[in-house]
Amino acid sequence: MKVDVKLFAVAKQYAGTDTITLELDEQAATAGQLKLQLVQQIPQLQPLLNSLRIAVNQQYASDQTQLRAHDEIACIPPVSGG
């Protein structure tokens, strides 16, 4: 299944866009699998893999959260600054 992922902060900068479309196996589509696909598409995110947060339908999701075709998905990298 295809899912659109909204990107924020450094993920958006690395991708050069605010949305990316990924193809996931519908039977195994989890937030954790999505993070791995994101790193394949945007290799610069590899160092942030363990700290990337995925939100599904405006709720933070665990890596085991199942994804569905029409979910609203966002990738939120760690934020720093002051």
PDB file of N, CA and C in Angstrom:
ATOM      1  N   MET A   1       0.844  -1.173   0.000  1.00  0.00           N
ATOM      2  CA  MET A   1       0.000   0.000   0.000  1.00  0.00           C
ATOM      3  C   MET A   1       0.886   1.232   0.000  1.00  0.00           C
ATOM      4  N   LYS A   2       0.372   2.300  -0.562  1.00  0.00           N
ATOM      5  CA  LYS A   2       1.102   3.563  -0.581  1.00  0.00           C
ATOM      6  C   LYS A   2       0.605   4.443   0.557  1.00  0.00           C
ATOM      7  N   VAL A   3       1.577   5.075   1.248  1.00  0.00           N
ATOM      8  CA  VAL A   3       1.231   6.007   2.317  1.00  0.00           C
ATOM      9  C   VAL A   3       1.997   7.304   2.100  1.00  0.00           C
ATOM     10  N   ASP A   4       1.350   8.405   2.402  1.00  0.00           N
ATOM     11  CA  ASP A   4       1.999   9.711   2.370  1.00  0.00           C
ATOM     12  C   ASP A   4       2.456  10.042   3.779  1.00  0.00           C
ATOM     13  N   VAL A   5       3.701  10.496   3.892  1.00  0.00           N
ATOM     14  CA  VAL A   5       4.279  10.820   5.186  1.00  0.00           C
ATOM     15  C   VAL A   5       4.650  12.299   5.184  1.00  0.00           C
ATOM     16  N   LYS A   6       4.123  13.038   6.141  1.00  0.00           N
ATOM     17  CA  LYS A   6       4.483  14.445   6.299  1.00  0.00           C
ATOM     18  C   LYS A   6       5.809  14.513   7.040  1.00  0.00           C
ATOM     19  N   LEU A   7       6.709  15.341   6.545  1.00  0.00           N
ATOM     20  CA  LEU A   7       8.042  15.469   7.127  1.00  0.00           C
ATOM     21  C   LEU A   7       8.196  16.826   7.802  1.00  0.00           C
ATOM     22  N   PHE A   8       8.913  16.836   8.904  1.00  0.00           N
ATOM     23  CA  PHE A   8       9.132  18.069   9.648  1.00  0.00           C
ATOM     24  C   PHE A   8      10.611  18.232   9.968  1.00  0.00           C
ATOM     25  N   ALA A   9      11.005  19.474  10.236  1.00  0.00           N
ATOM     26  CA  ALA A   9      12.348  19.836  10.700  1.00  0.00           C
ATOM     27  C   ALA A   9      13.427  19.268   9.772  1.00  0.00           C
ATOM     28  N   VAL A  10      14.432  18.606  10.355  1.00  0.00           N
ATOM     29  CA  VAL A  10      15.572  18.145   9.569  1.00  0.00           C
ATOM     30  C   VAL A  10      15.163  17.082   8.537  1.00  0.00           C
ATOM     31  N   ALA A  11      14.144  16.284   8.816  1.00  0.00           N
ATOM     32  CA  ALA A  11      13.674  15.297   7.828  1.00  0.00           C
ATOM     33  C   ALA A  11      13.194  16.005   6.568  1.00  0.00           C
ATOM     34  N   LYS A  12      12.490  17.095   6.746  1.00  0.00           N
ATOM     35  CA  LYS A  12      12.011  17.898   5.613  1.00  0.00           C
ATOM     36  C   LYS A  12      13.197  18.494   4.852  1.00  0.00           C
ATOM     37  N   GLN A  13      14.190  18.977   5.584  1.00  0.00           N
ATOM     38  CA  GLN A  13      15.375  19.555   4.940  1.00  0.00           C
ATOM     39  C   GLN A  13      16.120  18.505   4.118  1.00  0.00           C
ATOM     40  N   TYR A  14      16.353  17.335   4.704  1.00  0.00           N
ATOM     41  CA  TYR A  14      17.092  16.285   4.006  1.00  0.00           C
ATOM     42  C   TYR A  14      16.348  15.803   2.765  1.00  0.00           C
ATOM     43  N   ALA A  15      15.032  15.689   2.849  1.00  0.00           N
ATOM     44  CA  ALA A  15      14.237  15.185   1.723  1.00  0.00           C
ATOM     45  C   ALA A  15      14.025  16.241   0.650  1.00  0.00           C
ATOM     46  N   GLY A  16      14.111  17.520   1.034  1.00  0.00           N
ATOM     47  CA  GLY A  16      13.859  18.594   0.082  1.00  0.00           C
ATOM     48  C   GLY A  16      12.389  18.759  -0.243  1.00  0.00           C
ATOM     49  N   THR A  17      11.524  18.188   0.584  1.00  0.00           N
ATOM     50  CA  THR A  17      10.078  18.265   0.382  1.00  0.00           C
ATOM     51  C   THR A  17       9.396  18.074   1.732  1.00  0.00           C
ATOM     52  N   ASP A  18       8.131  18.450   1.817  1.00  0.00           N
ATOM     53  CA  ASP A  18       7.429  18.283   3.097  1.00  0.00           C
ATOM     54  C   ASP A  18       6.576  17.018   3.150  1.00  0.00           C
ATOM     55  N   THR A  19       6.500  16.274   2.041  1.00  0.00           N
ATOM     56  CA  THR A  19       5.733  15.023   2.005  1.00  0.00           C
ATOM     57  C   THR A  19       6.453  14.016   1.117  1.00  0.00           C
ATOM     58  N   ILE A  20       6.475  12.775   1.561  1.00  0.00           N
ATOM     59  CA  ILE A  20       7.074  11.704   0.766  1.00  0.00           C
ATOM     60  C   ILE A  20       6.083  10.538   0.730  1.00  0.00           C
ATOM     61  N   THR A  21       6.014   9.862  -0.404  1.00  0.00           N
ATOM     62  CA  THR A  21       5.136   8.700  -0.546  1.00  0.00           C
ATOM     63  C   THR A  21       5.985   7.441  -0.484  1.00  0.00           C
ATOM     64  N   LEU A  22       5.579   6.503   0.376  1.00  0.00           N
ATOM     65  CA  LEU A  22       6.294   5.242   0.531  1.00  0.00           C
ATOM     66  C   LEU A  22       5.373   4.080   0.197  1.00  0.00           C
ATOM     67  N   GLU A  23       5.964   3.011  -0.291  1.00  0.00           N
ATOM     68  CA  GLU A  23       5.231   1.772  -0.580  1.00  0.00           C
ATOM     69  C   GLU A  23       5.545   0.785   0.541  1.00  0.00           C
ATOM     70  N   LEU A  24       4.508   0.337   1.248  1.00  0.00           N
ATOM     71  CA  LEU A  24       4.669  -0.606   2.351  1.00  0.00           C
ATOM     72  C   LEU A  24       3.866  -1.870   2.083  1.00  0.00           C
ATOM     73  N   ASP A  25       4.355  -2.989   2.614  1.00  0.00           N
ATOM     74  CA  ASP A  25       3.608  -4.244   2.555  1.00  0.00           C
ATOM     75  C   ASP A  25       2.415  -4.115   3.494  1.00  0.00           C
ATOM     76  N   GLU A  26       1.223  -4.209   2.968  1.00  0.00           N
ATOM     77  CA  GLU A  26       0.010  -3.966   3.756  1.00  0.00           C
ATOM     78  C   GLU A  26      -0.088  -4.899   4.958  1.00  0.00           C
ATOM     79  N   GLN A  27       0.389  -6.127   4.830  1.00  0.00           N
ATOM     80  CA  GLN A  27       0.302  -7.094   5.927  1.00  0.00           C
ATOM     81  C   GLN A  27       1.296  -6.801   7.047  1.00  0.00           C
ATOM     82  N   ALA A  28       2.394  -6.128   6.725  1.00  0.00           N
ATOM     83  CA  ALA A  28       3.444  -5.873   7.711  1.00  0.00           C
ATOM     84  C   ALA A  28       3.702  -4.387   7.901  1.00  0.00           C
ATOM     85  N   ALA A  29       2.720  -3.561   7.608  1.00  0.00           N
ATOM     86  CA  ALA A  29       2.912  -2.110   7.674  1.00  0.00           C
ATOM     87  C   ALA A  29       2.806  -1.634   9.120  1.00  0.00           C
ATOM     88  N   THR A  30       3.963  -1.350   9.711  1.00  0.00           N
ATOM     89  CA  THR A  30       4.006  -0.818  11.069  1.00  0.00           C
ATOM     90  C   THR A  30       4.798   0.480  11.063  1.00  0.00           C
ATOM     91  N   ALA A  31       4.702   1.222  12.147  1.00  0.00           N
ATOM     92  CA  ALA A  31       5.465   2.465  12.257  1.00  0.00           C
ATOM     93  C   ALA A  31       6.964   2.171  12.209  1.00  0.00           C
ATOM     94  N   GLY A  32       7.393   1.065  12.798  1.00  0.00           N
ATOM     95  CA  GLY A  32       8.807   0.687  12.747  1.00  0.00           C
ATOM     96  C   GLY A  32       9.267   0.389  11.331  1.00  0.00           C
ATOM     97  N   GLN A  33       8.448  -0.325  10.568  1.00  0.00           N
ATOM     98  CA  GLN A  33       8.770  -0.609   9.167  1.00  0.00           C
ATOM     99  C   GLN A  33       8.821   0.684   8.359  1.00  0.00           C
ATOM    100  N   LEU A  34       7.931   1.589   8.657  1.00  0.00           N
ATOM    101  CA  LEU A  34       7.909   2.879   7.977  1.00  0.00           C
ATOM    102  C   LEU A  34       9.213   3.634   8.219  1.00  0.00           C
ATOM    103  N   LYS A  35       9.717   3.613   9.464  1.00  0.00           N
ATOM    104  CA  LYS A  35      10.974   4.291   9.768  1.00  0.00           C
ATOM    105  C   LYS A  35      12.123   3.703   8.948  1.00  0.00           C
ATOM    106  N   LEU A  36      12.153   2.380   8.816  1.00  0.00           N
ATOM    107  CA  LEU A  36      13.202   1.746   8.010  1.00  0.00           C
ATOM    108  C   LEU A  36      13.103   2.161   6.546  1.00  0.00           C
ATOM    109  N   GLN A  37      11.886   2.245   6.022  1.00  0.00           N
ATOM    110  CA  GLN A  37      11.679   2.694   4.637  1.00  0.00           C
ATOM    111  C   GLN A  37      12.113   4.152   4.471  1.00  0.00           C
ATOM    112  N   LEU A  38      11.826   4.978   5.473  1.00  0.00           N
ATOM    113  CA  LEU A  38      12.239   6.384   5.405  1.00  0.00           C
ATOM    114  C   LEU A  38      13.756   6.497   5.291  1.00  0.00           C
ATOM    115  N   VAL A  39      14.478   5.705   6.076  1.00  0.00           N
ATOM    116  CA  VAL A  39      15.942   5.743   6.043  1.00  0.00           C
ATOM    117  C   VAL A  39      16.463   5.251   4.694  1.00  0.00           C
ATOM    118  N   GLN A  40      15.785   4.289   4.083  1.00  0.00           N
ATOM    119  CA  GLN A  40      16.186   3.848   2.744  1.00  0.00           C
ATOM    120  C   GLN A  40      16.001   4.967   1.729  1.00  0.00           C
ATOM    121  N   GLN A  41      14.917   5.720   1.841  1.00  0.00           N
ATOM    122  CA  GLN A  41      14.627   6.814   0.910  1.00  0.00           C
ATOM    123  C   GLN A  41      15.460   8.061   1.213  1.00  0.00           C
ATOM    124  N   ILE A  42      15.726   8.296   2.503  1.00  0.00           N
ATOM    125  CA  ILE A  42      16.459   9.490   2.933  1.00  0.00           C
ATOM    126  C   ILE A  42      17.611   9.023   3.831  1.00  0.00           C
ATOM    127  N   PRO A  43      18.733   8.565   3.251  1.00  0.00           N
ATOM    128  CA  PRO A  43      19.824   7.977   4.037  1.00  0.00           C
ATOM    129  C   PRO A  43      20.387   8.899   5.121  1.00  0.00           C
ATOM    130  N   GLN A  44      20.262  10.209   4.947  1.00  0.00           N
ATOM    131  CA  GLN A  44      20.777  11.138   5.952  1.00  0.00           C
ATOM    132  C   GLN A  44      20.073  10.986   7.299  1.00  0.00           C
ATOM    133  N   LEU A  45      18.908  10.334   7.309  1.00  0.00           N
ATOM    134  CA  LEU A  45      18.170  10.133   8.562  1.00  0.00           C
ATOM    135  C   LEU A  45      18.701   8.956   9.382  1.00  0.00           C
ATOM    136  N   GLN A  46      19.613   8.159   8.828  1.00  0.00           N
ATOM    137  CA  GLN A  46      20.123   6.974   9.530  1.00  0.00           C
ATOM    138  C   GLN A  46      20.591   7.283  10.959  1.00  0.00           C
ATOM    139  N   PRO A  47      21.388   8.339  11.190  1.00  0.00           N
ATOM    140  CA  PRO A  47      21.826   8.606  12.566  1.00  0.00           C
ATOM    141  C   PRO A  47      20.672   8.936  13.524  1.00  0.00           C
ATOM    142  N   LEU A  48      19.539   9.326  12.988  1.00  0.00           N
ATOM    143  CA  LEU A  48      18.391   9.702  13.823  1.00  0.00           C
ATOM    144  C   LEU A  48      17.368   8.576  13.967  1.00  0.00           C
ATOM    145  N   LEU A  49      17.639   7.418  13.376  1.00  0.00           N
ATOM    146  CA  LEU A  49      16.640   6.348  13.307  1.00  0.00           C
ATOM    147  C   LEU A  49      16.016   6.030  14.669  1.00  0.00           C
ATOM    148  N   ASN A  50      16.837   5.903  15.706  1.00  0.00           N
ATOM    149  CA  ASN A  50      16.307   5.527  17.020  1.00  0.00           C
ATOM    150  C   ASN A  50      15.534   6.641  17.708  1.00  0.00           C
ATOM    151  N   SER A  51      15.715   7.875  17.264  1.00  0.00           N
ATOM    152  CA  SER A  51      15.012   8.981  17.923  1.00  0.00           C
ATOM    153  C   SER A  51      13.889   9.577  17.076  1.00  0.00           C
ATOM    154  N   LEU A  52      13.715   9.088  15.846  1.00  0.00           N
ATOM    155  CA  LEU A  52      12.590   9.550  15.024  1.00  0.00           C
ATOM    156  C   LEU A  52      11.282   9.127  15.668  1.00  0.00           C
ATOM    157  N   ARG A  53      10.321  10.023  15.704  1.00  0.00           N
ATOM    158  CA  ARG A  53       8.987   9.688  16.206  1.00  0.00           C
ATOM    159  C   ARG A  53       8.032   9.677  15.025  1.00  0.00           C
ATOM    160  N   ILE A  54       7.147   8.716  15.031  1.00  0.00           N
ATOM    161  CA  ILE A  54       6.105   8.622  14.014  1.00  0.00           C
ATOM    162  C   ILE A  54       4.776   8.915  14.694  1.00  0.00           C
ATOM    163  N   ALA A  55       4.008   9.799  14.099  1.00  0.00           N
ATOM    164  CA  ALA A  55       2.658  10.083  14.585  1.00  0.00           C
ATOM    165  C   ALA A  55       1.668   9.538  13.559  1.00  0.00           C
ATOM    166  N   VAL A  56       0.651   8.862  14.056  1.00  0.00           N
ATOM    167  CA  VAL A  56      -0.397   8.298  13.206  1.00  0.00           C
ATOM    168  C   VAL A  56      -1.717   8.891  13.664  1.00  0.00           C
ATOM    169  N   ASN A  57      -2.368   9.591  12.746  1.00  0.00           N
ATOM    170  CA  ASN A  57      -3.641  10.253  13.063  1.00  0.00           C
ATOM    171  C   ASN A  57      -3.509  11.154  14.293  1.00  0.00           C
ATOM    172  N   GLN A  58      -2.413  11.919  14.311  1.00  0.00           N
ATOM    173  CA  GLN A  58      -2.120  12.934  15.322  1.00  0.00           C
ATOM    174  C   GLN A  58      -1.860  12.364  16.714  1.00  0.00           C
ATOM    175  N   GLN A  59      -1.439  11.096  16.779  1.00  0.00           N
ATOM    176  CA  GLN A  59      -1.055  10.451  18.041  1.00  0.00           C
ATOM    177  C   GLN A  59       0.312   9.802  17.836  1.00  0.00           C
ATOM    178  N   TYR A  60       1.238  10.005  18.799  1.00  0.00           N
ATOM    179  CA  TYR A  60       2.516   9.314  18.690  1.00  0.00           C
ATOM    180  C   TYR A  60       2.283   7.811  18.681  1.00  0.00           C
ATOM    181  N   ALA A  61       3.050   7.115  17.837  1.00  0.00           N
ATOM    182  CA  ALA A  61       2.862   5.679  17.648  1.00  0.00           C
ATOM    183  C   ALA A  61       4.114   4.921  18.076  1.00  0.00           C
ATOM    184  N   SER A  62       3.915   3.720  18.621  1.00  0.00           N
ATOM    185  CA  SER A  62       5.045   2.833  18.901  1.00  0.00           C
ATOM    186  C   SER A  62       5.472   2.185  17.582  1.00  0.00           C
ATOM    187  N   ASP A  63       6.646   1.559  17.590  1.00  0.00           N
ATOM    188  CA  ASP A  63       7.124   0.894  16.375  1.00  0.00           C
ATOM    189  C   ASP A  63       6.203  -0.243  15.947  1.00  0.00           C
ATOM    190  N   GLN A  64       5.419  -0.793  16.863  1.00  0.00           N
ATOM    191  CA  GLN A  64       4.532  -1.912  16.553  1.00  0.00           C
ATOM    192  C   GLN A  64       3.159  -1.473  16.049  1.00  0.00           C
ATOM    193  N   THR A  65       2.881  -0.180  16.057  1.00  0.00           N
ATOM    194  CA  THR A  65       1.573   0.312  15.617  1.00  0.00           C
ATOM    195  C   THR A  65       1.334  -0.044  14.156  1.00  0.00           C
ATOM    196  N   GLN A  66       0.208  -0.703  13.886  1.00  0.00           N
ATOM    197  CA  GLN A  66      -0.177  -1.061  12.518  1.00  0.00           C
ATOM    198  C   GLN A  66      -0.633   0.187  11.762  1.00  0.00           C
ATOM    199  N   LEU A  67      -0.253   0.268  10.500  1.00  0.00           N
ATOM    200  CA  LEU A  67      -0.644   1.384   9.647  1.00  0.00           C
ATOM    201  C   LEU A  67      -1.706   0.926   8.657  1.00  0.00           C
ATOM    202  N   ARG A  68      -2.594   1.851   8.321  1.00  0.00           N
ATOM    203  CA  ARG A  68      -3.644   1.577   7.339  1.00  0.00           C
ATOM    204  C   ARG A  68      -3.514   2.584   6.196  1.00  0.00           C
ATOM    205  N   ALA A  69      -4.103   2.265   5.082  1.00  0.00           N
ATOM    206  CA  ALA A  69      -3.918   3.042   3.854  1.00  0.00           C
ATOM    207  C   ALA A  69      -4.265   4.517   3.995  1.00  0.00           C
ATOM    208  N   HIS A  70      -5.261   4.867   4.757  1.00  0.00           N
ATOM    209  CA  HIS A  70      -5.684   6.266   4.807  1.00  0.00           C
ATOM    210  C   HIS A  70      -5.284   6.972   6.093  1.00  0.00           C
ATOM    211  N   ASP A  71      -4.330   6.404   6.833  1.00  0.00           N
ATOM    212  CA  ASP A  71      -3.846   7.061   8.043  1.00  0.00           C
ATOM    213  C   ASP A  71      -3.111   8.348   7.687  1.00  0.00           C
ATOM    214  N   GLU A  72      -3.200   9.320   8.580  1.00  0.00           N
ATOM    215  CA  GLU A  72      -2.392  10.533   8.466  1.00  0.00           C
ATOM    216  C   GLU A  72      -1.105  10.256   9.232  1.00  0.00           C
ATOM    217  N   ILE A  73       0.022  10.285   8.520  1.00  0.00           N
ATOM    218  CA  ILE A  73       1.300   9.881   9.107  1.00  0.00           C
ATOM    219  C   ILE A  73       2.278  11.045   9.048  1.00  0.00           C
ATOM    220  N   ALA A  74       2.997  11.243  10.159  1.00  0.00           N
ATOM    221  CA  ALA A  74       4.001  12.300  10.220  1.00  0.00           C
ATOM    222  C   ALA A  74       5.295  11.735  10.796  1.00  0.00           C
ATOM    223  N   CYS A  75       6.418  12.208  10.273  1.00  0.00           N
ATOM    224  CA  CYS A  75       7.744  11.857  10.776  1.00  0.00           C
ATOM    225  C   CYS A  75       8.285  13.074  11.511  1.00  0.00           C
ATOM    226  N   ILE A  76       8.553  12.895  12.806  1.00  0.00           N
ATOM    227  CA  ILE A  76       8.980  14.016  13.635  1.00  0.00           C
ATOM    228  C   ILE A  76      10.352  13.694  14.220  1.00  0.00           C
ATOM    229  N   PRO A  77      11.408  14.331  13.696  1.00  0.00           N
ATOM    230  CA  PRO A  77      12.747  14.108  14.236  1.00  0.00           C
ATOM    231  C   PRO A  77      12.908  14.831  15.575  1.00  0.00           C
ATOM    232  N   PRO A  78      13.981  14.511  16.306  1.00  0.00           N
ATOM    233  CA  PRO A  78      14.214  15.225  17.559  1.00  0.00           C
ATOM    234  C   PRO A  78      14.407  16.714  17.289  1.00  0.00           C
ATOM    235  N   VAL A  79      13.951  17.515  18.219  1.00  0.00           N
ATOM    236  CA  VAL A  79      14.037  18.969  18.077  1.00  0.00           C
ATOM    237  C   VAL A  79      15.043  19.493  19.085  1.00  0.00           C
ATOM    238  N   SER A  80      15.884  20.423  18.637  1.00  0.00           N
ATOM    239  CA  SER A  80      16.826  21.056  19.555  1.00  0.00           C
ATOM    240  C   SER A  80      16.874  22.540  19.253  1.00  0.00           C
ATOM    241  N   GLY A  81      17.453  23.247  20.121  1.00  0.00           N
ATOM    242  CA  GLY A  81      17.556  24.690  19.925  1.00  0.00           C
ATOM    243  C   GLY A  81      17.328  25.398  21.235  1.00  0.00           C
ATOM    244  N   GLY A  82      17.271  26.696  21.131  1.00  0.00           N
ATOM    245  CA  GLY A  82      17.106  27.380  22.404  1.00  0.00           C
ATOM    246  C   GLY A  82      16.595  28.754  22.283  1.00  0.00           C
TER     247      GLY A  82
END
